[in-house]
Amino acid sequence: MRTAFSVALALAMVACDSAREGEARPAAPPESGAIASPAADPATASLDTIPGTNWTERDWAVLEQKVRWAAGRGLDTVPMGTAVAELGRTFVGATYTPGTLEAPGDEHLVINLRELDCVTFIENVWALNRFLRSEGVSGLADPAAARSAYEAHLRAIRYRDGVLAGYPSRLHYFSDWLTNHEDRGHLRLITASLGGVGDAEPIDFMSTHPDAYRQLADPAFLQAIREREAYLNGRGPRIYLPQPAIAAVEGDIRDGDLIAATSTVGGLDIAHTGIALHVDGRLHLLHAPLVGRDVEISELPLADRIAGISGQDGIMVARLTEGD
């Protein structure tokens, strides 16, 4: 996957790796509530846009359908991890599209529930569950207010401290995404308790590859990224679980835990992300893999999958808290 194309689109945060060669594409689970998620056709993309918003009618239909499905199954009453895993399964078959956040113009909140990458998949599943628990089905009665509420949930997830203040405020590095949410009380990093070890390699991929990011042509943005990298490096070693140790602790990882596959690329922290899901007694990955594929449940158990990918060497694991 380490092509110029993938670098330009995603390597700093959404470096969603290609699925292992030959992996099957599982079907959506029965009664999953999945709906068609066609890729946007440039010739018709504007035809279903809701005027004055960043939404399309198709995105609104996905939100409404998913919230009603989740409410009907009581996902607002179960642990957050369980809800994330169950609602995440309904996206199996949805289109993987890289670079959906790299929209033209100034940084703005991108709404796209039809096309997902490995990070926006997690963000939208979590945001949908937050909407379910705070607004619920009754909140759908006022579509404009519902869209505004969903935007607030997604903004709180995607941007540092929930504040959209230009390109550097987006949580580009996924280890930054994780630690920022831990600092805010939204999740708990549990890698250390699983036997994780320290990785002191500096994070600097974005600042050392500025040509891969059009926004970094702005010297102020590039400086802000350098400062954030320095902050992350100053926090000390990141704790990760090496690939050979994953299988032994599968039972301690719960469905709905967030999985970040660590990268072997210099300066890059995370290569891929997904949601933990046990299948037939083994830990698998519910995720959105690289171009040409769909959201899927990995055919191989997570430990075996990572062993077969040279660009990954372990995982970080996070558990969402009940409050958010």
C-alpha atoms as a PDB file:
ATOM      1  CA  MET A   1       0.000   0.000   0.000  1.00  0.00           C
ATOM      2  CA  ARG A   2       2.961   2.342   0.384  1.00  0.00           C
ATOM      3  CA  THR A   3       2.368   4.074  -2.920  1.00  0.00           C
ATOM      4  CA  ALA A   4       2.542   7.785  -3.665  1.00  0.00           C
ATOM      5  CA  PHE A   5      -1.249   7.694  -4.027  1.00  0.00           C
ATOM      6  CA  SER A   6      -1.823   6.327  -0.549  1.00  0.00           C
ATOM      7  CA  VAL A   7       0.705   8.713   0.969  1.00  0.00           C
ATOM      8  CA  ALA A   8      -0.977  11.708  -0.590  1.00  0.00           C
ATOM      9  CA  LEU A   9      -4.374  10.654   0.645  1.00  0.00           C
ATOM     10  CA  ALA A  10      -3.982   9.116   4.003  1.00  0.00           C
ATOM     11  CA  LEU A  11      -0.748   8.053   5.628  1.00  0.00           C
ATOM     12  CA  ALA A  12      -0.821  10.530   8.501  1.00  0.00           C
ATOM     13  CA  MET A  13      -4.102   9.360   9.959  1.00  0.00           C
ATOM     14  CA  VAL A  14      -6.270   7.270   7.714  1.00  0.00           C
ATOM     15  CA  ALA A  15      -3.669   4.898   6.304  1.00  0.00           C
ATOM     16  CA  CYS A  16      -6.174   2.081   5.866  1.00  0.00           C
ATOM     17  CA  ASP A  17      -4.199  -0.903   4.665  1.00  0.00           C
ATOM     18  CA  SER A  18      -5.218  -3.258   1.939  1.00  0.00           C
ATOM     19  CA  ALA A  19      -6.975  -6.385   3.107  1.00  0.00           C
ATOM     20  CA  ARG A  20      -4.917  -9.546   3.121  1.00  0.00           C
ATOM     21  CA  GLU A  21      -4.790 -11.023  -0.346  1.00  0.00           C
ATOM     22  CA  GLY A  22      -7.623 -13.466  -0.802  1.00  0.00           C
ATOM     23  CA  GLU A  23      -9.680 -12.379   2.193  1.00  0.00           C
ATOM     24  CA  ALA A  24     -13.371 -12.951   1.631  1.00  0.00           C
ATOM     25  CA  ARG A  25     -15.893 -10.139   1.860  1.00  0.00           C
ATOM     26  CA  PRO A  26     -18.505 -11.266   4.413  1.00  0.00           C
ATOM     27  CA  ALA A  27     -22.138 -10.518   3.816  1.00  0.00           C
ATOM     28  CA  ALA A  28     -24.050  -8.151   6.090  1.00  0.00           C
ATOM     29  CA  PRO A  29     -25.438  -9.930   9.160  1.00  0.00           C
ATOM     30  CA  PRO A  30     -29.124 -10.887   9.057  1.00  0.00           C
ATOM     31  CA  GLU A  31     -31.482  -8.004   9.840  1.00  0.00           C
ATOM     32  CA  SER A  32     -28.481  -5.697   9.957  1.00  0.00           C
ATOM     33  CA  GLY A  33     -30.395  -2.673   8.796  1.00  0.00           C
ATOM     34  CA  ALA A  34     -27.729  -2.008   6.176  1.00  0.00           C
ATOM     35  CA  ILE A  35     -28.821   0.190   3.297  1.00  0.00           C
ATOM     36  CA  ALA A  36     -27.219   0.763  -0.041  1.00  0.00           C
ATOM     37  CA  SER A  37     -24.274   3.157   0.069  1.00  0.00           C
ATOM     38  CA  PRO A  38     -23.560   4.092  -3.555  1.00  0.00           C
ATOM     39  CA  ALA A  39     -20.417   6.043  -4.311  1.00  0.00           C
ATOM     40  CA  ALA A  40     -21.050   9.645  -5.203  1.00  0.00           C
ATOM     41  CA  ASP A  41     -21.252  10.182  -8.956  1.00  0.00           C
ATOM     42  CA  PRO A  42     -19.824  13.635  -9.806  1.00  0.00           C
ATOM     43  CA  ALA A  43     -22.516  14.026 -12.461  1.00  0.00           C
ATOM     44  CA  THR A  44     -25.353  13.543  -9.989  1.00  0.00           C
ATOM     45  CA  ALA A  45     -23.803  14.323  -6.610  1.00  0.00           C
ATOM     46  CA  SER A  46     -25.517  17.692  -6.372  1.00  0.00           C
ATOM     47  CA  LEU A  47     -28.960  16.339  -7.162  1.00  0.00           C
ATOM     48  CA  ASP A  48     -29.654  15.063  -3.671  1.00  0.00           C
ATOM     49  CA  THR A  49     -27.843  17.764  -1.708  1.00  0.00           C
ATOM     50  CA  ILE A  50     -29.822  19.400   1.083  1.00  0.00           C
ATOM     51  CA  PRO A  51     -29.516  23.141   0.393  1.00  0.00           C
ATOM     52  CA  GLY A  52     -27.570  25.186   2.901  1.00  0.00           C
ATOM     53  CA  THR A  53     -25.979  22.151   4.549  1.00  0.00           C
ATOM     54  CA  ASN A  54     -23.046  19.742   4.169  1.00  0.00           C
ATOM     55  CA  TRP A  55     -25.584  16.910   3.888  1.00  0.00           C
ATOM     56  CA  THR A  56     -27.076  14.921   1.054  1.00  0.00           C
ATOM     57  CA  GLU A  57     -30.488  13.299   1.209  1.00  0.00           C
ATOM     58  CA  ARG A  58     -28.691   9.946   1.108  1.00  0.00           C
ATOM     59  CA  ASP A  59     -26.634  10.760   4.187  1.00  0.00           C
ATOM     60  CA  TRP A  60     -29.759  11.883   6.033  1.00  0.00           C
ATOM     61  CA  ALA A  61     -31.493   8.635   5.025  1.00  0.00           C
ATOM     62  CA  VAL A  62     -28.603   6.601   6.442  1.00  0.00           C
ATOM     63  CA  LEU A  63     -28.675   8.491   9.751  1.00  0.00           C
ATOM     64  CA  GLU A  64     -32.430   8.179  10.128  1.00  0.00           C
ATOM     65  CA  GLN A  65     -32.499   4.491   9.239  1.00  0.00           C
ATOM     66  CA  LYS A  66     -29.558   3.543  11.459  1.00  0.00           C
ATOM     67  CA  VAL A  67     -30.927   5.416  14.483  1.00  0.00           C
ATOM     68  CA  ARG A  68     -34.361   3.812  14.133  1.00  0.00           C
ATOM     69  CA  TRP A  69     -32.817   0.369  13.699  1.00  0.00           C
ATOM     70  CA  ALA A  70     -30.549   0.804  16.739  1.00  0.00           C
ATOM     71  CA  ALA A  71     -33.370   2.133  18.914  1.00  0.00           C
ATOM     72  CA  GLY A  72     -35.592  -0.762  17.922  1.00  0.00           C
ATOM     73  CA  ARG A  73     -32.946  -3.153  19.223  1.00  0.00           C
ATOM     74  CA  GLY A  74     -32.371  -1.251  22.440  1.00  0.00           C
ATOM     75  CA  LEU A  75     -28.777  -0.323  21.702  1.00  0.00           C
ATOM     76  CA  ASP A  76     -29.183   2.776  23.855  1.00  0.00           C
ATOM     77  CA  THR A  77     -29.539   0.488  26.896  1.00  0.00           C
ATOM     78  CA  VAL A  78     -26.470  -1.728  26.409  1.00  0.00           C
ATOM     79  CA  PRO A  79     -22.791  -0.943  27.098  1.00  0.00           C
ATOM     80  CA  MET A  80     -21.308   1.502  24.604  1.00  0.00           C
ATOM     81  CA  GLY A  81     -18.865  -1.078  23.235  1.00  0.00           C
ATOM     82  CA  THR A  82     -21.671  -3.531  22.539  1.00  0.00           C
ATOM     83  CA  ALA A  83     -23.664  -0.821  20.786  1.00  0.00           C
ATOM     84  CA  VAL A  84     -20.657   0.233  18.680  1.00  0.00           C
ATOM     85  CA  ALA A  85     -20.006  -3.352  17.599  1.00  0.00           C
ATOM     86  CA  GLU A  86     -23.652  -4.046  16.735  1.00  0.00           C
ATOM     87  CA  LEU A  87     -24.271  -0.813  14.868  1.00  0.00           C
ATOM     88  CA  GLY A  88     -20.885  -1.128  13.172  1.00  0.00           C
ATOM     89  CA  ARG A  89     -21.936  -4.496  11.747  1.00  0.00           C
ATOM     90  CA  THR A  90     -24.788  -2.795   9.888  1.00  0.00           C
ATOM     91  CA  PHE A  91     -22.208  -1.007   7.732  1.00  0.00           C
ATOM     92  CA  VAL A  92     -20.788  -4.249   6.339  1.00  0.00           C
ATOM     93  CA  GLY A  93     -20.866  -3.796   2.577  1.00  0.00           C
ATOM     94  CA  ALA A  94     -20.670   0.013   2.674  1.00  0.00           C
ATOM     95  CA  THR A  95     -18.183   1.496   0.215  1.00  0.00           C
ATOM     96  CA  TYR A  96     -14.594   2.185   1.238  1.00  0.00           C
ATOM     97  CA  THR A  97     -13.418   5.535  -0.163  1.00  0.00           C
ATOM     98  CA  PRO A  98     -10.125   7.165   0.859  1.00  0.00           C
ATOM     99  CA  GLY A  99      -9.572  10.857   1.410  1.00  0.00           C
ATOM    100  CA  THR A 100     -13.201  11.838   1.992  1.00  0.00           C
ATOM    101  CA  LEU A 101     -12.127  14.488   4.530  1.00  0.00           C
ATOM    102  CA  GLU A 102      -9.766  16.151   2.060  1.00  0.00           C
ATOM    103  CA  ALA A 103     -12.541  18.305   0.600  1.00  0.00           C
ATOM    104  CA  PRO A 104     -11.742  21.446  -1.405  1.00  0.00           C
ATOM    105  CA  GLY A 105     -11.615  24.773   0.370  1.00  0.00           C
ATOM    106  CA  ASP A 106     -11.096  25.557   4.022  1.00  0.00           C
ATOM    107  CA  GLU A 107     -11.409  22.888   6.684  1.00  0.00           C
ATOM    108  CA  HIS A 108     -15.051  22.106   7.381  1.00  0.00           C
ATOM    109  CA  LEU A 109     -17.054  19.274   8.864  1.00  0.00           C
ATOM    110  CA  VAL A 110     -17.487  16.628   6.176  1.00  0.00           C
ATOM    111  CA  ILE A 111     -20.654  14.531   6.444  1.00  0.00           C
ATOM    112  CA  ASN A 112     -20.436  11.263   4.533  1.00  0.00           C
ATOM    113  CA  LEU A 113     -22.228   8.179   5.861  1.00  0.00           C
ATOM    114  CA  ARG A 114     -22.185   6.463   2.460  1.00  0.00           C
ATOM    115  CA  GLU A 115     -18.434   6.246   1.845  1.00  0.00           C
ATOM    116  CA  LEU A 116     -16.016   5.502   4.656  1.00  0.00           C
ATOM    117  CA  ASP A 117     -12.357   4.992   5.401  1.00  0.00           C
ATOM    118  CA  CYS A 118     -10.976   3.158   8.417  1.00  0.00           C
ATOM    119  CA  VAL A 119     -11.160   6.208  10.696  1.00  0.00           C
ATOM    120  CA  THR A 120     -14.360   7.849   9.482  1.00  0.00           C
ATOM    121  CA  PHE A 121     -16.027   4.443   9.896  1.00  0.00           C
ATOM    122  CA  ILE A 122     -15.215   4.497  13.632  1.00  0.00           C
ATOM    123  CA  GLU A 123     -16.098   8.176  13.972  1.00  0.00           C
ATOM    124  CA  ASN A 124     -19.521   7.837  12.380  1.00  0.00           C
ATOM    125  CA  VAL A 125     -20.473   4.647  14.227  1.00  0.00           C
ATOM    126  CA  TRP A 126     -19.564   6.316  17.522  1.00  0.00           C
ATOM    127  CA  ALA A 127     -21.361   9.548  16.588  1.00  0.00           C
ATOM    128  CA  LEU A 128     -24.502   7.603  15.670  1.00  0.00           C
ATOM    129  CA  ASN A 129     -24.480   5.920  19.072  1.00  0.00           C
ATOM    130  CA  ARG A 130     -24.001   9.247  20.811  1.00  0.00           C
ATOM    131  CA  PHE A 131     -26.948  10.657  18.873  1.00  0.00           C
ATOM    132  CA  LEU A 132     -29.045   7.611  19.790  1.00  0.00           C
ATOM    133  CA  ARG A 133     -28.328   8.088  23.494  1.00  0.00           C
ATOM    134  CA  SER A 134     -28.788  11.841  23.621  1.00  0.00           C
ATOM    135  CA  GLU A 135     -31.410  12.704  20.980  1.00  0.00           C
ATOM    136  CA  GLY A 136     -32.934   9.307  20.214  1.00  0.00           C
ATOM    137  CA  VAL A 137     -35.653   8.576  17.690  1.00  0.00           C
ATOM    138  CA  SER A 138     -37.682  11.544  18.894  1.00  0.00           C
ATOM    139  CA  GLY A 139     -34.846  13.803  17.821  1.00  0.00           C
ATOM    140  CA  LEU A 140     -35.444  12.810  14.193  1.00  0.00           C
ATOM    141  CA  ALA A 141     -38.773  14.647  14.152  1.00  0.00           C
ATOM    142  CA  ASP A 142     -36.983  17.933  13.429  1.00  0.00           C
ATOM    143  CA  PRO A 143     -34.537  17.036  10.638  1.00  0.00           C
ATOM    144  CA  ALA A 144     -32.638  20.330  10.754  1.00  0.00           C
ATOM    145  CA  ALA A 145     -32.109  20.078  14.508  1.00  0.00           C
ATOM    146  CA  ALA A 146     -31.175  16.409  14.163  1.00  0.00           C
ATOM    147  CA  ARG A 147     -28.541  17.189  11.540  1.00  0.00           C
ATOM    148  CA  SER A 148     -27.139  19.944  13.737  1.00  0.00           C
ATOM    149  CA  ALA A 149     -26.993  17.597  16.732  1.00  0.00           C
ATOM    150  CA  TYR A 150     -25.222  14.908  14.700  1.00  0.00           C
ATOM    151  CA  GLU A 151     -22.718  17.455  13.452  1.00  0.00           C
ATOM    152  CA  ALA A 152     -21.957  18.410  17.058  1.00  0.00           C
ATOM    153  CA  HIS A 153     -21.298  14.770  17.973  1.00  0.00           C
ATOM    154  CA  LEU A 154     -19.072  14.219  14.947  1.00  0.00           C
ATOM    155  CA  ARG A 155     -17.183  17.474  15.513  1.00  0.00           C
ATOM    156  CA  ALA A 156     -16.540  16.472  19.134  1.00  0.00           C
ATOM    157  CA  ILE A 157     -15.039  13.210  17.909  1.00  0.00           C
ATOM    158  CA  ARG A 158     -13.015  14.368  14.892  1.00  0.00           C
ATOM    159  CA  TYR A 159     -11.403  17.556  16.219  1.00  0.00           C
ATOM    160  CA  ARG A 160      -9.045  18.254  19.098  1.00  0.00           C
ATOM    161  CA  ASP A 161     -11.085  19.032  22.200  1.00  0.00           C
ATOM    162  CA  GLY A 162     -14.150  19.130  19.942  1.00  0.00           C
ATOM    163  CA  VAL A 163     -13.181  22.465  18.407  1.00  0.00           C
ATOM    164  CA  LEU A 164     -12.951  22.915  14.630  1.00  0.00           C
ATOM    165  CA  ALA A 165     -10.347  25.650  14.173  1.00  0.00           C
ATOM    166  CA  GLY A 166      -8.747  24.984  10.824  1.00  0.00           C
ATOM    167  CA  TYR A 167      -6.841  22.061   9.353  1.00  0.00           C
ATOM    168  CA  PRO A 168      -4.391  21.597  12.267  1.00  0.00           C
ATOM    169  CA  SER A 169      -7.283  21.118  14.713  1.00  0.00           C
ATOM    170  CA  ARG A 170      -8.257  17.845  13.084  1.00  0.00           C
ATOM    171  CA  LEU A 171      -6.882  14.829  14.971  1.00  0.00           C
ATOM    172  CA  HIS A 172      -4.676  13.619  12.117  1.00  0.00           C
ATOM    173  CA  TYR A 173      -2.501  11.102  13.966  1.00  0.00           C
ATOM    174  CA  PHE A 174      -4.667   8.338  15.392  1.00  0.00           C
ATOM    175  CA  SER A 175      -2.564   8.027  18.547  1.00  0.00           C
ATOM    176  CA  ASP A 176      -3.379  11.732  19.061  1.00  0.00           C
ATOM    177  CA  TRP A 177      -7.054  10.928  18.430  1.00  0.00           C
ATOM    178  CA  LEU A 178      -6.887   8.243  21.129  1.00  0.00           C
ATOM    179  CA  THR A 179      -4.999  10.233  23.757  1.00  0.00           C
ATOM    180  CA  ASN A 180      -7.112  13.349  23.232  1.00  0.00           C
ATOM    181  CA  HIS A 181     -10.270  11.349  23.838  1.00  0.00           C
ATOM    182  CA  GLU A 182      -8.696   9.657  26.844  1.00  0.00           C
ATOM    183  CA  ASP A 183      -7.749  13.051  28.262  1.00  0.00           C
ATOM    184  CA  ARG A 184     -11.367  14.144  27.787  1.00  0.00           C
ATOM    185  CA  GLY A 185     -12.718  11.047  29.553  1.00  0.00           C
ATOM    186  CA  HIS A 186     -14.295   9.491  26.463  1.00  0.00           C
ATOM    187  CA  LEU A 187     -12.240   6.299  26.424  1.00  0.00           C
ATOM    188  CA  ARG A 188      -9.588   4.334  28.284  1.00  0.00           C
ATOM    189  CA  LEU A 189      -6.414   3.048  26.678  1.00  0.00           C
ATOM    190  CA  ILE A 190      -6.079  -0.518  27.959  1.00  0.00           C
ATOM    191  CA  THR A 191      -3.006  -1.643  26.002  1.00  0.00           C
ATOM    192  CA  ALA A 192      -0.742  -1.465  29.050  1.00  0.00           C
ATOM    193  CA  SER A 193      -3.011  -3.770  31.038  1.00  0.00           C
ATOM    194  CA  LEU A 194      -2.811  -6.299  28.200  1.00  0.00           C
ATOM    195  CA  GLY A 195       0.974  -6.441  28.500  1.00  0.00           C
ATOM    196  CA  GLY A 196       1.882  -3.627  26.139  1.00  0.00           C
ATOM    197  CA  VAL A 197       5.392  -2.249  25.759  1.00  0.00           C
ATOM    198  CA  GLY A 198       6.736   1.191  24.897  1.00  0.00           C
ATOM    199  CA  ASP A 199       7.449   2.533  21.418  1.00  0.00           C
ATOM    200  CA  ALA A 200       9.605   5.650  21.599  1.00  0.00           C
ATOM    201  CA  GLU A 201       9.966   6.212  17.839  1.00  0.00           C
ATOM    202  CA  PRO A 202       9.181   9.878  17.107  1.00  0.00           C
ATOM    203  CA  ILE A 203       6.065  10.874  15.204  1.00  0.00           C
ATOM    204  CA  ASP A 204       6.935  13.231  12.347  1.00  0.00           C
ATOM    205  CA  PHE A 205       5.504  11.783   9.136  1.00  0.00           C
ATOM    206  CA  MET A 206       3.362  14.780   8.222  1.00  0.00           C
ATOM    207  CA  SER A 207       6.024  17.412   8.808  1.00  0.00           C
ATOM    208  CA  THR A 208       8.641  15.384   6.917  1.00  0.00           C
ATOM    209  CA  HIS A 209       6.287  14.741   3.972  1.00  0.00           C
ATOM    210  CA  PRO A 210       4.532  18.123   3.628  1.00  0.00           C
ATOM    211  CA  ASP A 211       4.161  17.766  -0.139  1.00  0.00           C
ATOM    212  CA  ALA A 212       1.693  14.930   0.489  1.00  0.00           C
ATOM    213  CA  TYR A 213      -0.770  17.334   2.120  1.00  0.00           C
ATOM    214  CA  ARG A 214      -1.986  20.350   0.138  1.00  0.00           C
ATOM    215  CA  GLN A 215      -2.907  22.200   3.334  1.00  0.00           C
ATOM    216  CA  LEU A 216       0.698  22.089   4.556  1.00  0.00           C
ATOM    217  CA  ALA A 217       1.672  24.518   1.818  1.00  0.00           C
ATOM    218  CA  ASP A 218       0.528  27.070   4.389  1.00  0.00           C
ATOM    219  CA  PRO A 219       3.591  27.659   6.612  1.00  0.00           C
ATOM    220  CA  ALA A 220       1.388  28.346   9.642  1.00  0.00           C
ATOM    221  CA  PHE A 221      -0.335  24.981   9.280  1.00  0.00           C
ATOM    222  CA  LEU A 222       2.985  23.191   8.840  1.00  0.00           C
ATOM    223  CA  GLN A 223       4.328  24.857  11.972  1.00  0.00           C
ATOM    224  CA  ALA A 224       1.201  23.891  13.912  1.00  0.00           C
ATOM    225  CA  ILE A 225       1.643  20.260  12.848  1.00  0.00           C
ATOM    226  CA  ARG A 226       5.299  20.340  13.921  1.00  0.00           C
ATOM    227  CA  GLU A 227       4.263  21.688  17.290  1.00  0.00           C
ATOM    228  CA  ARG A 228       1.659  18.962  17.723  1.00  0.00           C
ATOM    229  CA  GLU A 229       4.185  16.294  16.781  1.00  0.00           C
ATOM    230  CA  ALA A 230       6.567  17.703  19.399  1.00  0.00           C
ATOM    231  CA  TYR A 231       3.787  17.579  21.979  1.00  0.00           C
ATOM    232  CA  LEU A 232       2.975  13.954  21.146  1.00  0.00           C
ATOM    233  CA  ASN A 233       6.633  12.962  21.264  1.00  0.00           C
ATOM    234  CA  GLY A 234       6.976  14.734  24.601  1.00  0.00           C
ATOM    235  CA  ARG A 235       4.269  12.565  26.145  1.00  0.00           C
ATOM    236  CA  GLY A 236       6.704   9.666  26.226  1.00  0.00           C
ATOM    237  CA  PRO A 237       6.613   6.252  24.546  1.00  0.00           C
ATOM    238  CA  ARG A 238       3.337   5.055  23.092  1.00  0.00           C
ATOM    239  CA  ILE A 239       2.234   1.742  24.547  1.00  0.00           C
ATOM    240  CA  TYR A 240       1.469  -0.973  22.018  1.00  0.00           C
ATOM    241  CA  LEU A 241       0.962  -4.736  22.070  1.00  0.00           C
ATOM    242  CA  PRO A 242       3.370  -6.524  19.688  1.00  0.00           C
ATOM    243  CA  GLN A 243       1.761  -8.856  17.187  1.00  0.00           C
ATOM    244  CA  PRO A 244       3.076 -12.126  18.750  1.00  0.00           C
ATOM    245  CA  ALA A 245       1.291 -11.250  22.020  1.00  0.00           C
ATOM    246  CA  ILE A 246      -2.160 -10.538  20.569  1.00  0.00           C
ATOM    247  CA  ALA A 247      -3.559 -14.076  20.398  1.00  0.00           C
ATOM    248  CA  ALA A 248      -2.836 -14.742  24.078  1.00  0.00           C
ATOM    249  CA  VAL A 249      -4.985 -11.808  25.253  1.00  0.00           C
ATOM    250  CA  GLU A 250      -7.861 -12.026  22.773  1.00  0.00           C
ATOM    251  CA  GLY A 251     -10.232 -12.938  25.575  1.00  0.00           C
ATOM    252  CA  ASP A 252      -9.445  -9.696  27.416  1.00  0.00           C
ATOM    253  CA  ILE A 253     -10.437  -7.557  24.432  1.00  0.00           C
ATOM    254  CA  ARG A 254     -14.176  -6.897  24.195  1.00  0.00           C
ATOM    255  CA  ASP A 255     -16.461  -6.490  21.238  1.00  0.00           C
ATOM    256  CA  GLY A 256     -16.593  -2.786  20.444  1.00  0.00           C
ATOM    257  CA  ASP A 257     -13.100  -1.975  21.695  1.00  0.00           C
ATOM    258  CA  LEU A 258     -11.237   0.255  19.248  1.00  0.00           C
ATOM    259  CA  ILE A 259      -8.206  -1.310  17.574  1.00  0.00           C
ATOM    260  CA  ALA A 260      -5.332   0.686  16.077  1.00  0.00           C
ATOM    261  CA  ALA A 261      -2.745  -1.331  14.147  1.00  0.00           C
ATOM    262  CA  THR A 262       0.686   0.165  14.709  1.00  0.00           C
ATOM    263  CA  SER A 263       2.834   1.102  11.727  1.00  0.00           C
ATOM    264  CA  THR A 264       6.364   0.107  10.795  1.00  0.00           C
ATOM    265  CA  VAL A 265       6.739   3.194   8.568  1.00  0.00           C
ATOM    266  CA  GLY A 266       9.178   5.701  10.024  1.00  0.00           C
ATOM    267  CA  GLY A 267       7.459   8.642  11.691  1.00  0.00           C
ATOM    268  CA  LEU A 268       3.980   7.137  11.392  1.00  0.00           C
ATOM    269  CA  ASP A 269       2.153   5.861  14.468  1.00  0.00           C
ATOM    270  CA  ILE A 270      -0.866   3.973  13.145  1.00  0.00           C
ATOM    271  CA  ALA A 271      -1.426   2.144   9.845  1.00  0.00           C
ATOM    272  CA  HIS A 272      -5.042   1.043  10.186  1.00  0.00           C
ATOM    273  CA  THR A 273      -8.009   1.109  12.559  1.00  0.00           C
ATOM    274  CA  GLY A 274     -11.140  -0.910  13.249  1.00  0.00           C
ATOM    275  CA  ILE A 275     -13.534  -2.299  15.835  1.00  0.00           C
ATOM    276  CA  ALA A 276     -12.933  -5.493  17.805  1.00  0.00           C
ATOM    277  CA  LEU A 277     -15.396  -8.293  17.101  1.00  0.00           C
ATOM    278  CA  HIS A 278     -15.242 -11.906  18.237  1.00  0.00           C
ATOM    279  CA  VAL A 279     -16.285 -14.531  15.694  1.00  0.00           C
ATOM    280  CA  ASP A 280     -16.346 -18.233  16.581  1.00  0.00           C
ATOM    281  CA  GLY A 281     -14.171 -17.649  19.623  1.00  0.00           C
ATOM    282  CA  ARG A 282     -11.461 -15.624  17.867  1.00  0.00           C
ATOM    283  CA  LEU A 283     -10.837 -11.873  17.752  1.00  0.00           C
ATOM    284  CA  HIS A 284     -11.490 -10.377  14.317  1.00  0.00           C
ATOM    285  CA  LEU A 285     -11.534  -6.826  12.958  1.00  0.00           C
ATOM    286  CA  LEU A 286     -14.663  -4.997  11.810  1.00  0.00           C
ATOM    287  CA  HIS A 287     -13.152  -2.385   9.528  1.00  0.00           C
ATOM    288  CA  ALA A 288     -13.065  -0.416   6.277  1.00  0.00           C
ATOM    289  CA  PRO A 289     -10.058  -1.627   4.264  1.00  0.00           C
ATOM    290  CA  LEU A 290      -8.359  -0.088   1.240  1.00  0.00           C
ATOM    291  CA  VAL A 291      -9.640   1.099  -2.147  1.00  0.00           C
ATOM    292  CA  GLY A 292     -11.952  -1.226  -4.029  1.00  0.00           C
ATOM    293  CA  ARG A 293     -13.208  -2.975  -0.905  1.00  0.00           C
ATOM    294  CA  ASP A 294     -16.109  -2.505   1.454  1.00  0.00           C
ATOM    295  CA  VAL A 295     -16.593  -2.407   5.198  1.00  0.00           C
ATOM    296  CA  GLU A 296     -16.119  -5.994   6.300  1.00  0.00           C
ATOM    297  CA  ILE A 297     -15.371  -8.405   9.114  1.00  0.00           C
ATOM    298  CA  SER A 298     -11.872  -9.725   8.511  1.00  0.00           C
ATOM    299  CA  GLU A 299     -11.785 -13.342   7.441  1.00  0.00           C
ATOM    300  CA  LEU A 300      -8.605 -13.948   9.417  1.00  0.00           C
ATOM    301  CA  PRO A 301      -8.365 -13.420  13.179  1.00  0.00           C
ATOM    302  CA  LEU A 302      -6.697 -10.106  14.006  1.00  0.00           C
ATOM    303  CA  ALA A 303      -3.418 -11.638  15.221  1.00  0.00           C
ATOM    304  CA  ASP A 304      -3.033 -13.681  12.027  1.00  0.00           C
ATOM    305  CA  ARG A 305      -4.049 -10.769   9.827  1.00  0.00           C
ATOM    306  CA  ILE A 306      -1.411  -8.438  11.245  1.00  0.00           C
ATOM    307  CA  ALA A 307       1.232 -11.168  11.012  1.00  0.00           C
ATOM    308  CA  GLY A 308       0.665 -11.206   7.252  1.00  0.00           C
ATOM    309  CA  ILE A 309       1.006  -7.447   6.729  1.00  0.00           C
ATOM    310  CA  SER A 310       4.584  -6.168   6.676  1.00  0.00           C
ATOM    311  CA  GLY A 311       3.576  -2.570   7.431  1.00  0.00           C
ATOM    312  CA  GLN A 312       2.028  -3.433  10.807  1.00  0.00           C
ATOM    313  CA  ASP A 313       3.622  -4.825  13.953  1.00  0.00           C
ATOM    314  CA  GLY A 314       1.070  -4.650  16.777  1.00  0.00           C
ATOM    315  CA  ILE A 315      -1.990  -2.880  18.141  1.00  0.00           C
ATOM    316  CA  MET A 316      -3.197  -0.220  20.533  1.00  0.00           C
ATOM    317  CA  VAL A 317      -6.551  -0.942  22.227  1.00  0.00           C
ATOM    318  CA  ALA A 318      -9.057   1.538  23.624  1.00  0.00           C
ATOM    319  CA  ARG A 319     -12.370   1.038  25.441  1.00  0.00           C
ATOM    320  CA  LEU A 320     -15.107   3.655  25.127  1.00  0.00           C
ATOM    321  CA  THR A 321     -16.580   4.879  28.387  1.00  0.00           C
ATOM    322  CA  GLU A 322     -20.298   4.797  29.148  1.00  0.00           C
ATOM    323  CA  GLY A 323     -20.646   8.561  29.454  1.00  0.00           C
ATOM    324  CA  ASP A 324     -20.024   9.222  25.775  1.00  0.00           C
END
